[in-house]
Amino acid sequence: MPKVCFICQKGTIPGNKYKRRGQIKRTGGAGSKIVGKTLRRFRPNLQRIKININGTVRTEQVCTSCISAGKILKA
């Protein structure tokens, strides 16, 4: 089962993780520097819930933003 929301098709998106070194300026340092970048993935917050689709009850993966926005009808 793919990591995709059933309602809005929100899926994984690529991004970077930065490794920093040095004390930041507001605490008296010379500023932090980026010394490494690593690829990572941002995944949606998916929940397996029972939803009602045209009178039939199905268990699907839905993101929490769709659940809180009321885009689904819980079974």
PDB file of N, CA and C in Angstrom:
ATOM      1  N   MET A   1       0.839  -1.178   0.000  1.00  0.00           N
ATOM      2  CA  MET A   1       0.000   0.000   0.000  1.00  0.00           C
ATOM      3  C   MET A   1       0.893   1.255   0.000  1.00  0.00           C
ATOM      4  N   PRO A   2       0.707   2.142  -0.950  1.00  0.00           N
ATOM      5  CA  PRO A   2       1.596   3.296  -1.031  1.00  0.00           C
ATOM      6  C   PRO A   2       1.322   4.298   0.083  1.00  0.00           C
ATOM      7  N   LYS A   3       2.318   5.121   0.365  1.00  0.00           N
ATOM      8  CA  LYS A   3       2.197   6.143   1.402  1.00  0.00           C
ATOM      9  C   LYS A   3       1.564   7.395   0.808  1.00  0.00           C
ATOM     10  N   VAL A   4       0.308   7.267   0.378  1.00  0.00           N
ATOM     11  CA  VAL A   4      -0.413   8.351  -0.284  1.00  0.00           C
ATOM     12  C   VAL A   4      -1.791   8.465   0.353  1.00  0.00           C
ATOM     13  N   CYS A   5      -2.245   9.704   0.565  1.00  0.00           N
ATOM     14  CA  CYS A   5      -3.576   9.930   1.112  1.00  0.00           C
ATOM     15  C   CYS A   5      -4.623   9.545   0.076  1.00  0.00           C
ATOM     16  N   PHE A   6      -5.682   8.869   0.528  1.00  0.00           N
ATOM     17  CA  PHE A   6      -6.742   8.413  -0.366  1.00  0.00           C
ATOM     18  C   PHE A   6      -7.561   9.589  -0.906  1.00  0.00           C
ATOM     19  N   ILE A   7      -7.701  10.664  -0.145  1.00  0.00           N
ATOM     20  CA  ILE A   7      -8.541  11.796  -0.519  1.00  0.00           C
ATOM     21  C   ILE A   7      -7.781  12.812  -1.375  1.00  0.00           C
ATOM     22  N   CYS A   8      -6.666  13.331  -0.860  1.00  0.00           N
ATOM     23  CA  CYS A   8      -5.985  14.445  -1.536  1.00  0.00           C
ATOM     24  C   CYS A   8      -4.729  14.021  -2.298  1.00  0.00           C
ATOM     25  N   GLN A   9      -4.389  12.736  -2.274  1.00  0.00           N
ATOM     26  CA  GLN A   9      -3.213  12.194  -2.971  1.00  0.00           C
ATOM     27  C   GLN A   9      -1.904  12.809  -2.490  1.00  0.00           C
ATOM     28  N   LYS A  10      -1.867  13.257  -1.238  1.00  0.00           N
ATOM     29  CA  LYS A  10      -0.634  13.796  -0.677  1.00  0.00           C
ATOM     30  C   LYS A  10       0.330  12.649  -0.427  1.00  0.00           C
ATOM     31  N   GLY A  11       1.561  12.771  -0.896  1.00  0.00           N
ATOM     32  CA  GLY A  11       2.545  11.709  -0.759  1.00  0.00           C
ATOM     33  C   GLY A  11       3.859  12.223  -0.212  1.00  0.00           C
ATOM     34  N   THR A  12       4.898  11.428  -0.370  1.00  0.00           N
ATOM     35  CA  THR A  12       6.209  11.819   0.125  1.00  0.00           C
ATOM     36  C   THR A  12       6.823  12.854  -0.802  1.00  0.00           C
ATOM     37  N   ILE A  13       7.534  13.819  -0.199  1.00  0.00           N
ATOM     38  CA  ILE A  13       8.245  14.820  -0.987  1.00  0.00           C
ATOM     39  C   ILE A  13       9.695  14.845  -0.515  1.00  0.00           C
ATOM     40  N   PRO A  14      10.646  15.064  -1.416  1.00  0.00           N
ATOM     41  CA  PRO A  14      12.048  15.066  -1.017  1.00  0.00           C
ATOM     42  C   PRO A  14      12.439  16.380  -0.361  1.00  0.00           C
ATOM     43  N   GLY A  15      13.483  16.306   0.430  1.00  0.00           N
ATOM     44  CA  GLY A  15      14.008  17.499   1.088  1.00  0.00           C
ATOM     45  C   GLY A  15      15.428  17.244   1.550  1.00  0.00           C
ATOM     46  N   ASN A  16      15.960  18.178   2.309  1.00  0.00           N
ATOM     47  CA  ASN A  16      17.320  18.071   2.808  1.00  0.00           C
ATOM     48  C   ASN A  16      17.344  18.171   4.321  1.00  0.00           C
ATOM     49  N   LYS A  17      18.332  17.481   4.925  1.00  0.00           N
ATOM     50  CA  LYS A  17      18.621  17.605   6.347  1.00  0.00           C
ATOM     51  C   LYS A  17      19.986  18.273   6.440  1.00  0.00           C
ATOM     52  N   TYR A  18      20.061  19.379   7.180  1.00  0.00           N
ATOM     53  CA  TYR A  18      21.294  20.154   7.259  1.00  0.00           C
ATOM     54  C   TYR A  18      22.004  19.910   8.582  1.00  0.00           C
ATOM     55  N   LYS A  19      23.319  19.697   8.515  1.00  0.00           N
ATOM     56  CA  LYS A  19      24.142  19.588   9.713  1.00  0.00           C
ATOM     57  C   LYS A  19      24.873  20.903   9.886  1.00  0.00           C
ATOM     58  N   ARG A  20      24.702  21.506  11.063  1.00  0.00           N
ATOM     59  CA  ARG A  20      25.278  22.827  11.312  1.00  0.00           C
ATOM     60  C   ARG A  20      26.359  22.752  12.373  1.00  0.00           C
ATOM     61  N   ARG A  21      27.304  23.692  12.304  1.00  0.00           N
ATOM     62  CA  ARG A  21      28.414  23.750  13.237  1.00  0.00           C
ATOM     63  C   ARG A  21      28.643  25.194  13.623  1.00  0.00           C
ATOM     64  N   GLY A  22      28.951  25.458  14.870  1.00  0.00           N
ATOM     65  CA  GLY A  22      29.246  26.800  15.337  1.00  0.00           C
ATOM     66  C   GLY A  22      28.116  27.382  16.171  1.00  0.00           C
ATOM     67  N   GLN A  23      28.479  28.327  16.998  1.00  0.00           N
ATOM     68  CA  GLN A  23      27.506  28.974  17.869  1.00  0.00           C
ATOM     69  C   GLN A  23      26.768  30.059  17.095  1.00  0.00           C
ATOM     70  N   ILE A  24      25.469  30.186  17.313  1.00  0.00           N
ATOM     71  CA  ILE A  24      24.688  31.172  16.571  1.00  0.00           C
ATOM     72  C   ILE A  24      24.998  32.581  17.074  1.00  0.00           C
ATOM     73  N   LYS A  25      24.725  33.569  16.222  1.00  0.00           N
ATOM     74  CA  LYS A  25      25.118  34.947  16.521  1.00  0.00           C
ATOM     75  C   LYS A  25      24.394  35.533  17.718  1.00  0.00           C
ATOM     76  N   ARG A  26      23.101  35.186  17.886  1.00  0.00           N
ATOM     77  CA  ARG A  26      22.357  35.822  18.969  1.00  0.00           C
ATOM     78  C   ARG A  26      22.797  35.357  20.352  1.00  0.00           C
ATOM     79  N   THR A  27      23.597  34.292  20.419  1.00  0.00           N
ATOM     80  CA  THR A  27      24.133  33.862  21.712  1.00  0.00           C
ATOM     81  C   THR A  27      25.612  34.187  21.838  1.00  0.00           C
ATOM     82  N   GLY A  28      26.118  35.056  20.965  1.00  0.00           N
ATOM     83  CA  GLY A  28      27.494  35.519  21.096  1.00  0.00           C
ATOM     84  C   GLY A  28      28.500  34.829  20.209  1.00  0.00           C
ATOM     85  N   GLY A  29      28.050  34.016  19.273  1.00  0.00           N
ATOM     86  CA  GLY A  29      28.981  33.314  18.407  1.00  0.00           C
ATOM     87  C   GLY A  29      29.219  34.049  17.098  1.00  0.00           C
ATOM     88  N   ALA A  30      29.991  33.423  16.224  1.00  0.00           N
ATOM     89  CA  ALA A  30      30.312  34.016  14.925  1.00  0.00           C
ATOM     90  C   ALA A  30      29.324  33.593  13.850  1.00  0.00           C
ATOM     91  N   GLY A  31      28.350  32.773  14.201  1.00  0.00           N
ATOM     92  CA  GLY A  31      27.359  32.329  13.231  1.00  0.00           C
ATOM     93  C   GLY A  31      27.527  30.864  12.907  1.00  0.00           C
ATOM     94  N   SER A  32      26.407  30.170  12.698  1.00  0.00           N
ATOM     95  CA  SER A  32      26.493  28.748  12.391  1.00  0.00           C
ATOM     96  C   SER A  32      26.703  28.547  10.900  1.00  0.00           C
ATOM     97  N   LYS A  33      27.455  27.518  10.572  1.00  0.00           N
ATOM     98  CA  LYS A  33      27.755  27.187   9.184  1.00  0.00           C
ATOM     99  C   LYS A  33      27.170  25.827   8.859  1.00  0.00           C
ATOM    100  N   ILE A  34      26.743  25.647   7.618  1.00  0.00           N
ATOM    101  CA  ILE A  34      26.262  24.348   7.157  1.00  0.00           C
ATOM    102  C   ILE A  34      27.471  23.538   6.709  1.00  0.00           C
ATOM    103  N   VAL A  35      27.671  22.379   7.330  1.00  0.00           N
ATOM    104  CA  VAL A  35      28.831  21.557   7.001  1.00  0.00           C
ATOM    105  C   VAL A  35      28.433  20.251   6.329  1.00  0.00           C
ATOM    106  N   GLY A  36      27.134  19.994   6.191  1.00  0.00           N
ATOM    107  CA  GLY A  36      26.726  18.771   5.524  1.00  0.00           C
ATOM    108  C   GLY A  36      25.262  18.817   5.147  1.00  0.00           C
ATOM    109  N   LYS A  37      24.930  18.253   3.992  1.00  0.00           N
ATOM    110  CA  LYS A  37      23.550  18.136   3.542  1.00  0.00           C
ATOM    111  C   LYS A  37      23.274  16.688   3.204  1.00  0.00           C
ATOM    112  N   THR A  38      22.150  16.166   3.681  1.00  0.00           N
ATOM    113  CA  THR A  38      21.750  14.796   3.418  1.00  0.00           C
ATOM    114  C   THR A  38      20.322  14.804   2.908  1.00  0.00           C
ATOM    115  N   LEU A  39      20.052  13.988   1.905  1.00  0.00           N
ATOM    116  CA  LEU A  39      18.696  13.884   1.392  1.00  0.00           C
ATOM    117  C   LEU A  39      17.812  13.132   2.379  1.00  0.00           C
ATOM    118  N   ARG A  40      16.568  13.572   2.516  1.00  0.00           N
ATOM    119  CA  ARG A  40      15.600  12.893   3.358  1.00  0.00           C
ATOM    120  C   ARG A  40      14.232  13.019   2.704  1.00  0.00           C
ATOM    121  N   ARG A  41      13.225  12.346   3.299  1.00  0.00           N
ATOM    122  CA  ARG A  41      11.868  12.397   2.755  1.00  0.00           C
ATOM    123  C   ARG A  41      10.923  12.900   3.829  1.00  0.00           C
ATOM    124  N   PHE A  42      10.027  13.786   3.424  1.00  0.00           N
ATOM    125  CA  PHE A  42       8.962  14.252   4.307  1.00  0.00           C
ATOM    126  C   PHE A  42       7.720  13.452   3.959  1.00  0.00           C
ATOM    127  N   ARG A  43       7.189  12.726   4.955  1.00  0.00           N
ATOM    128  CA  ARG A  43       6.039  11.863   4.723  1.00  0.00           C
ATOM    129  C   ARG A  43       4.792  12.468   5.361  1.00  0.00           C
ATOM    130  N   PRO A  44       3.628  12.260   4.741  1.00  0.00           N
ATOM    131  CA  PRO A  44       2.393  12.769   5.346  1.00  0.00           C
ATOM    132  C   PRO A  44       1.994  11.934   6.561  1.00  0.00           C
ATOM    133  N   ASN A  45       1.222  12.539   7.451  1.00  0.00           N
ATOM    134  CA  ASN A  45       0.745  11.858   8.655  1.00  0.00           C
ATOM    135  C   ASN A  45      -0.519  11.092   8.285  1.00  0.00           C
ATOM    136  N   LEU A  46      -0.351   9.826   7.896  1.00  0.00           N
ATOM    137  CA  LEU A  46      -1.466   9.001   7.432  1.00  0.00           C
ATOM    138  C   LEU A  46      -2.019   8.152   8.567  1.00  0.00           C
ATOM    139  N   GLN A  47      -3.351   8.034   8.598  1.00  0.00           N
ATOM    140  CA  GLN A  47      -4.036   7.210   9.579  1.00  0.00           C
ATOM    141  C   GLN A  47      -4.954   6.242   8.842  1.00  0.00           C
ATOM    142  N   ARG A  48      -4.984   4.996   9.319  1.00  0.00           N
ATOM    143  CA  ARG A  48      -5.903   4.003   8.733  1.00  0.00           C
ATOM    144  C   ARG A  48      -7.234   4.116   9.449  1.00  0.00           C
ATOM    145  N   ILE A  49      -8.270   4.572   8.732  1.00  0.00           N
ATOM    146  CA  ILE A  49      -9.588   4.721   9.331  1.00  0.00           C
ATOM    147  C   ILE A  49     -10.645   4.164   8.386  1.00  0.00           C
ATOM    148  N   LYS A  50     -11.784   3.812   8.959  1.00  0.00           N
ATOM    149  CA  LYS A  50     -12.915   3.347   8.161  1.00  0.00           C
ATOM    150  C   LYS A  50     -13.696   4.559   7.682  1.00  0.00           C
ATOM    151  N   ILE A  51     -13.895   4.651   6.352  1.00  0.00           N
ATOM    152  CA  ILE A  51     -14.622   5.770   5.788  1.00  0.00           C
ATOM    153  C   ILE A  51     -15.784   5.257   4.959  1.00  0.00           C
ATOM    154  N   ASN A  52     -16.791   6.104   4.806  1.00  0.00           N
ATOM    155  CA  ASN A  52     -17.998   5.768   4.069  1.00  0.00           C
ATOM    156  C   ASN A  52     -17.922   6.430   2.703  1.00  0.00           C
ATOM    157  N   ILE A  53     -17.877   5.615   1.627  1.00  0.00           N
ATOM    158  CA  ILE A  53     -17.792   6.120   0.261  1.00  0.00           C
ATOM    159  C   ILE A  53     -18.987   5.577  -0.511  1.00  0.00           C
ATOM    160  N   ASN A  54     -19.918   6.454  -0.834  1.00  0.00           N
ATOM    161  CA  ASN A  54     -21.129   6.095  -1.598  1.00  0.00           C
ATOM    162  C   ASN A  54     -21.878   4.920  -0.972  1.00  0.00           C
ATOM    163  N   GLY A  55     -21.964   4.915   0.347  1.00  0.00           N
ATOM    164  CA  GLY A  55     -22.709   3.869   1.035  1.00  0.00           C
ATOM    165  C   GLY A  55     -21.919   2.629   1.381  1.00  0.00           C
ATOM    166  N   THR A  56     -20.682   2.510   0.909  1.00  0.00           N
ATOM    167  CA  THR A  56     -19.849   1.358   1.239  1.00  0.00           C
ATOM    168  C   THR A  56     -18.779   1.782   2.232  1.00  0.00           C
ATOM    169  N   VAL A  57     -18.459   0.894   3.157  1.00  0.00           N
ATOM    170  CA  VAL A  57     -17.469   1.165   4.187  1.00  0.00           C
ATOM    171  C   VAL A  57     -16.144   0.540   3.767  1.00  0.00           C
ATOM    172  N   ARG A  58     -15.104   1.361   3.740  1.00  0.00           N
ATOM    173  CA  ARG A  58     -13.767   0.890   3.371  1.00  0.00           C
ATOM    174  C   ARG A  58     -12.758   1.400   4.381  1.00  0.00           C
ATOM    175  N   THR A  59     -11.688   0.646   4.571  1.00  0.00           N
ATOM    176  CA  THR A  59     -10.583   1.084   5.408  1.00  0.00           C
ATOM    177  C   THR A  59      -9.498   1.622   4.489  1.00  0.00           C
ATOM    178  N   GLU A  60      -9.184   2.890   4.634  1.00  0.00           N
ATOM    179  CA  GLU A  60      -8.199   3.541   3.774  1.00  0.00           C
ATOM    180  C   GLU A  60      -7.244   4.371   4.622  1.00  0.00           C
ATOM    181  N   GLN A  61      -6.126   4.756   3.996  1.00  0.00           N
ATOM    182  CA  GLN A  61      -5.172   5.645   4.635  1.00  0.00           C
ATOM    183  C   GLN A  61      -5.503   7.075   4.243  1.00  0.00           C
ATOM    184  N   VAL A  62      -5.768   7.920   5.258  1.00  0.00           N
ATOM    185  CA  VAL A  62      -6.152   9.303   5.036  1.00  0.00           C
ATOM    186  C   VAL A  62      -5.252  10.173   5.892  1.00  0.00           C
ATOM    187  N   CYS A  63      -4.807  11.317   5.353  1.00  0.00           N
ATOM    188  CA  CYS A  63      -3.943  12.213   6.111  1.00  0.00           C
ATOM    189  C   CYS A  63      -4.767  12.968   7.150  1.00  0.00           C
ATOM    190  N   THR A  64      -4.099  13.403   8.203  1.00  0.00           N
ATOM    191  CA  THR A  64      -4.792  14.056   9.300  1.00  0.00           C
ATOM    192  C   THR A  64      -5.345  15.414   8.911  1.00  0.00           C
ATOM    193  N   SER A  65      -4.772  16.061   7.914  1.00  0.00           N
ATOM    194  CA  SER A  65      -5.315  17.348   7.488  1.00  0.00           C
ATOM    195  C   SER A  65      -6.674  17.172   6.813  1.00  0.00           C
ATOM    196  N   CYS A  66      -6.873  16.073   6.096  1.00  0.00           N
ATOM    197  CA  CYS A  66      -8.180  15.794   5.492  1.00  0.00           C
ATOM    198  C   CYS A  66      -9.197  15.391   6.551  1.00  0.00           C
ATOM    199  N   ILE A  67      -8.747  14.665   7.589  1.00  0.00           N
ATOM    200  CA  ILE A  67      -9.664  14.266   8.649  1.00  0.00           C
ATOM    201  C   ILE A  67     -10.153  15.482   9.416  1.00  0.00           C
ATOM    202  N   SER A  68      -9.245  16.379   9.787  1.00  0.00           N
ATOM    203  CA  SER A  68      -9.641  17.544  10.572  1.00  0.00           C
ATOM    204  C   SER A  68     -10.408  18.553   9.740  1.00  0.00           C
ATOM    205  N   ALA A  69     -10.211  18.566   8.409  1.00  0.00           N
ATOM    206  CA  ALA A  69     -10.950  19.489   7.557  1.00  0.00           C
ATOM    207  C   ALA A  69     -12.360  18.988   7.260  1.00  0.00           C
ATOM    208  N   GLY A  70     -12.668  17.742   7.618  1.00  0.00           N
ATOM    209  CA  GLY A  70     -14.003  17.199   7.411  1.00  0.00           C
ATOM    210  C   GLY A  70     -14.267  16.772   5.984  1.00  0.00           C
ATOM    211  N   LYS A  71     -13.224  16.395   5.248  1.00  0.00           N
ATOM    212  CA  LYS A  71     -13.392  15.967   3.857  1.00  0.00           C
ATOM    213  C   LYS A  71     -13.896  14.535   3.735  1.00  0.00           C
ATOM    214  N   ILE A  72     -13.959  13.810   4.855  1.00  0.00           N
ATOM    215  CA  ILE A  72     -14.399  12.420   4.830  1.00  0.00           C
ATOM    216  C   ILE A  72     -15.588  12.244   5.753  1.00  0.00           C
ATOM    217  N   LEU A  73     -16.291  11.138   5.569  1.00  0.00           N
ATOM    218  CA  LEU A  73     -17.402  10.757   6.434  1.00  0.00           C
ATOM    219  C   LEU A  73     -17.003   9.448   7.098  1.00  0.00           C
ATOM    220  N   LYS A  74     -16.776   9.485   8.408  1.00  0.00           N
ATOM    221  CA  LYS A  74     -16.368   8.284   9.126  1.00  0.00           C
ATOM    222  C   LYS A  74     -17.503   7.281   9.175  1.00  0.00           C
ATOM    223  N   ALA A  75     -17.137   6.007   9.122  1.00  0.00           N
ATOM    224  CA  ALA A  75     -18.143   4.941   9.169  1.00  0.00           C
ATOM    225  C   ALA A  75     -18.603   4.715  10.594  1.00  0.00           C
TER     226      ALA A  75
END
